[in-house]
C-alpha cells in the first residue's frame, strides 16, 4: 500500500513539473467562469451535447490547452469540493487527475464516487442511489490552513484499490455549512471509512477493489 501511494505521489510530482508554462503567453491566467459562453468548435461536440455550464467551461479549458501545447492555463476559480448528501464529491477548480494507469486528465469539474460501487471509478455513475448510500457528508476534521479565493492547482492521484490522494489547496464543504481546508490528504472512495470524506484505511480491511 505504501509503495502504491509513493508511486502515485511520484507521478503527481512529475505532472506538476511538466505542467509549467512553455512560454510567457501560456503562463498568463485564463479567466473562464462556470457560466462563460463557448465558441463552437469540432472539439466541443461532447460539451455542447449535454449543455451544462461545467462541460462548456471544460471544453474551453481544453481549447486553451491545445493553443499552449501544454497543461491548461490557470482558471480564475478556487479548488472546492462539495460533499453531497448521500452522493458523490463534486470538485471544481484547476484539477489534474492522475489515473491508476498513469494517464492524466485535466479538468475544472470532476464528480468523484464516494460509495465505492461506481462502474466508472474514480467518477460517479449514480450507483449510490441503487446501493442506498446514506452518508450525509458531515465533516469531522478541522482546517489546516485558511480558505482562499485565489486560483491554484490541485493534483489528484488514484491509488489502486485505495483512496484518492490530493496535493494542493482544497476547501471541502457540505450542506451543514461545515468546511475543512487542507493542502494534502486522502479521500475515501470505498464508502467504508469512519472519517468520510477522508480515508481511514478501511479499503484494506474490506478488500476494496477499484477494478483497474
Protein backbone atom coordinates (compact mmCIF):
# COMPACT_ATOMS: atom_id res chain seq x y z
CA UNK A 1 0.00 0.00 0.00
CA UNK A 2 2.82 2.42 0.89
CA UNK A 3 4.56 1.62 -2.42
CA UNK A 4 1.39 2.42 -4.38
CA UNK A 5 0.90 5.68 -2.50
CA UNK A 6 4.54 6.66 -3.12
CA UNK A 7 4.18 5.79 -6.79
CA UNK A 8 1.06 7.98 -7.07
CA UNK A 9 2.83 10.83 -5.29
CA UNK A 10 5.82 10.48 -7.62
CA UNK A 11 3.59 10.63 -10.67
CA UNK A 12 1.80 13.69 -9.28
CA UNK A 13 5.11 15.46 -8.68
CA UNK A 14 6.21 14.70 -12.23
CA UNK A 15 2.94 16.06 -13.62
CA UNK A 16 3.37 19.29 -11.67
CA UNK A 17 6.90 19.67 -13.06
CA UNK A 18 5.79 19.00 -16.65
CA UNK A 19 2.81 21.34 -16.43
CA UNK A 20 4.90 24.53 -16.14
CA UNK A 21 4.11 27.11 -18.86
CA UNK A 22 6.11 26.68 -22.07
CA UNK A 23 6.04 30.41 -22.84
CA UNK A 24 5.19 33.75 -21.27
CA UNK A 25 1.84 33.71 -23.04
CA UNK A 26 0.89 30.30 -21.72
CA UNK A 27 1.73 31.44 -18.18
CA UNK A 28 -0.98 34.08 -18.19
CA UNK A 29 -4.11 33.43 -16.17
CA UNK A 30 -7.08 32.35 -18.25
CA UNK A 31 -10.36 33.74 -16.93
CA UNK A 32 -13.33 31.43 -17.54
CA UNK A 33 -16.13 31.18 -15.02
CA UNK A 34 -18.50 28.24 -14.92
CA UNK A 35 -21.18 30.06 -16.98
CA UNK A 36 -18.89 31.50 -19.64
CA UNK A 37 -20.05 31.07 -23.26
CA UNK A 38 -18.18 28.68 -25.51
CA UNK A 39 -17.33 29.04 -29.16
CA UNK A 40 -18.46 26.21 -31.40
CA UNK A 41 -15.54 24.02 -32.42
CA UNK A 42 -15.13 20.46 -33.62
CA UNK A 43 -13.62 19.54 -30.25
CA UNK A 44 -16.60 20.85 -28.28
CA UNK A 45 -19.27 18.48 -29.62
CA UNK A 46 -19.50 16.49 -26.39
CA UNK A 47 -19.77 19.63 -24.27
CA UNK A 48 -22.50 21.12 -26.47
CA UNK A 49 -24.44 17.88 -26.40
CA UNK A 50 -25.19 17.93 -22.67
CA UNK A 51 -25.25 21.74 -22.48
CA UNK A 52 -24.07 22.01 -18.87
CA UNK A 53 -22.08 25.07 -17.86
CA UNK A 54 -19.36 22.90 -16.32
CA UNK A 55 -18.96 20.94 -19.55
CA UNK A 56 -18.73 24.19 -21.54
CA UNK A 57 -16.03 25.51 -19.24
CA UNK A 58 -14.19 22.19 -19.51
CA UNK A 59 -14.32 22.40 -23.32
CA UNK A 60 -12.84 25.87 -23.26
CA UNK A 61 -10.15 24.58 -20.89
CA UNK A 62 -9.06 22.02 -23.49
CA UNK A 63 -9.18 24.60 -26.29
CA UNK A 64 -6.71 26.76 -24.36
CA UNK A 65 -4.53 23.74 -23.63
CA UNK A 66 -4.24 22.99 -27.35
CA UNK A 67 -3.15 26.57 -28.02
CA UNK A 68 -0.33 26.48 -25.47
CA UNK A 69 0.72 22.86 -26.24
CA UNK A 70 0.86 22.01 -22.56
CA UNK A 71 -1.18 21.89 -19.39
CA UNK A 72 -4.21 24.23 -19.34
CA UNK A 73 -3.69 27.75 -18.11
CA UNK A 74 -4.91 28.65 -14.65
CA UNK A 75 -8.65 29.33 -14.37
CA UNK A 76 -9.80 32.07 -12.01
CA UNK A 77 -11.70 29.63 -9.77
CA UNK A 78 -10.70 28.21 -6.36
CA UNK A 79 -10.37 24.47 -5.72
CA UNK A 80 -13.50 23.39 -3.85
CA UNK A 81 -15.27 20.10 -3.17
CA UNK A 82 -18.95 19.86 -2.29
CA UNK A 83 -19.67 16.72 -0.25
CA UNK A 84 -23.21 15.97 -1.35
CA UNK A 85 -25.78 14.37 0.96
CA UNK A 86 -25.74 10.60 0.25
CA UNK A 87 -23.98 11.29 -3.02
CA UNK A 88 -20.65 11.96 -4.73
CA UNK A 89 -17.91 14.52 -4.20
CA UNK A 90 -18.24 17.40 -6.67
CA UNK A 91 -14.90 19.10 -7.32
CA UNK A 92 -14.32 22.35 -9.18
CA UNK A 93 -11.02 24.12 -9.77
CA UNK A 94 -7.75 23.64 -11.62
CA UNK A 95 -7.66 19.85 -11.48
CA UNK A 96 -5.06 17.38 -12.69
CA UNK A 97 -6.35 13.83 -12.24
CA UNK A 98 -3.75 11.05 -12.45
CA UNK A 99 -5.38 7.67 -13.06
CA UNK A 100 -4.03 4.36 -11.80
CA UNK A 101 -2.54 3.51 -15.19
CA UNK A 102 -0.61 6.79 -15.25
CA UNK A 103 -2.85 8.57 -17.74
CA UNK A 104 -3.52 12.22 -16.97
CA UNK A 105 -6.80 14.10 -17.22
CA UNK A 106 -7.11 17.87 -16.94
CA UNK A 107 -10.48 19.24 -15.85
CA UNK A 108 -12.19 22.02 -13.97
CA UNK A 109 -15.13 19.88 -12.85
CA UNK A 110 -14.99 16.26 -11.64
CA UNK A 111 -17.65 14.22 -9.82
CA UNK A 112 -15.94 11.53 -7.73
CA UNK A 113 -17.57 8.37 -6.39
CA UNK A 114 -17.86 8.16 -2.58
CA UNK A 115 -19.92 4.98 -2.22
CA UNK A 116 -17.42 2.56 -3.75
CA UNK A 117 -19.88 0.99 -6.19
CA UNK A 118 -19.43 3.10 -9.32
CA UNK A 119 -18.65 1.20 -12.50
CA UNK A 120 -16.74 4.19 -13.83
CA UNK A 121 -14.33 4.76 -10.94
CA UNK A 122 -13.00 7.20 -9.94
CA UNK A 123 -16.03 9.13 -11.24
CA UNK A 124 -19.63 8.66 -10.14
CA UNK A 125 -22.21 6.86 -12.30
CA UNK A 126 -25.18 7.05 -9.93
CA UNK A 127 -24.74 3.72 -8.15
CA UNK A 128 -25.06 5.46 -4.75
CA UNK A 129 -28.81 5.61 -5.45
CA UNK A 130 -29.04 1.92 -6.33
CA UNK A 131 -26.94 0.84 -3.33
CA UNK A 132 -28.69 3.28 -0.94
CA UNK A 133 -25.51 5.03 0.16
CA UNK A 134 -26.77 7.19 3.02
CA UNK A 135 -23.76 9.10 4.31
CA UNK A 136 -24.86 12.75 4.80
CA UNK A 137 -21.40 14.18 4.12
CA UNK A 138 -20.62 15.68 7.52
CA UNK A 139 -17.05 16.81 8.21
CA UNK A 140 -15.32 15.85 11.46
CA UNK A 141 -11.81 17.21 10.75
CA UNK A 142 -10.61 20.77 11.28
CA UNK A 143 -8.98 23.01 8.69
CA UNK A 144 -5.20 23.03 8.48
CA UNK A 145 -4.93 26.32 6.57
CA UNK A 146 -7.12 29.32 5.79
CA UNK A 147 -9.52 29.29 2.86
CA UNK A 148 -8.61 31.39 -0.18
CA UNK A 149 -10.36 32.50 -3.35
CA UNK A 150 -7.07 32.72 -5.23
CA UNK A 151 -6.79 30.19 -8.07
CA UNK A 152 -4.23 27.42 -7.65
CA UNK A 153 -3.52 23.94 -8.97
CA UNK A 154 -4.56 20.68 -7.35
CA UNK A 155 -3.37 17.19 -8.30
CA UNK A 156 -5.50 14.12 -7.55
CA UNK A 157 -3.83 10.69 -7.73
CA UNK A 158 -5.81 7.44 -7.81
CA UNK A 159 -4.23 4.72 -5.68
CA UNK A 160 -5.06 1.22 -6.89
CA UNK A 161 -7.54 -0.47 -4.52
CA UNK A 162 -7.21 2.57 -2.27
CA UNK A 163 -8.06 6.23 -1.83
CA UNK A 164 -7.54 9.30 -3.99
CA UNK A 165 -4.71 11.41 -2.66
CA UNK A 166 -4.57 15.14 -3.33
CA UNK A 167 -1.88 17.82 -3.25
CA UNK A 168 -2.87 21.48 -3.39
CA UNK A 169 -5.24 23.78 -1.52
CA UNK A 170 -8.71 22.23 -1.32
CA UNK A 171 -11.76 23.56 0.50
CA UNK A 172 -14.28 20.83 1.31
CA UNK A 173 -17.77 21.91 2.36
CA UNK A 174 -21.27 20.49 2.81
CA UNK A 175 -24.95 21.37 3.27
CA UNK A 176 -24.44 21.82 7.02
CA UNK A 177 -22.20 24.87 6.47
CA UNK A 178 -19.19 22.88 7.65
CA UNK A 179 -15.89 23.28 5.86
CA UNK A 180 -12.36 21.96 6.00
CA UNK A 181 -9.37 23.36 4.11
CA UNK A 182 -6.28 21.22 3.54
CA UNK A 183 -3.17 21.25 1.37
CA UNK A 184 -2.94 17.46 1.09
CA UNK A 185 -4.82 14.38 2.17
CA UNK A 186 -6.52 11.14 1.13
CA UNK A 187 -10.16 10.90 0.08
CA UNK A 188 -12.18 7.75 0.77
CA UNK A 189 -13.67 6.02 -2.25
CA UNK A 190 -14.55 2.62 -0.79
CA UNK A 191 -17.51 4.04 1.13
CA UNK A 192 -16.49 2.36 4.39
CA UNK A 193 -14.30 4.96 6.12
CA UNK A 194 -15.45 6.13 9.53
CA UNK A 195 -13.97 9.55 8.83
CA UNK A 196 -15.54 10.24 5.43
CA UNK A 197 -14.82 12.07 3.22
CA UNK A 198 -11.27 11.21 4.29
CA UNK A 199 -9.66 7.77 4.18
CA UNK A 200 -9.03 5.81 7.38
CA UNK A 201 -7.62 2.64 5.79
CA UNK A 202 -10.92 0.74 5.64
CA UNK A 203 -10.32 -0.16 1.98
CA UNK A 204 -7.59 -2.60 3.06
CA UNK A 205 -9.78 -4.22 5.73
CA UNK A 206 -12.80 -4.62 3.43
CA UNK A 207 -10.89 -5.78 0.36
CA UNK A 208 -11.99 -2.86 -1.79
CA UNK A 209 -11.11 -3.17 -5.49
CA UNK A 210 -11.05 -0.31 -7.94
CA UNK A 211 -11.43 -2.57 -10.94
CA UNK A 212 -8.48 -1.14 -12.87
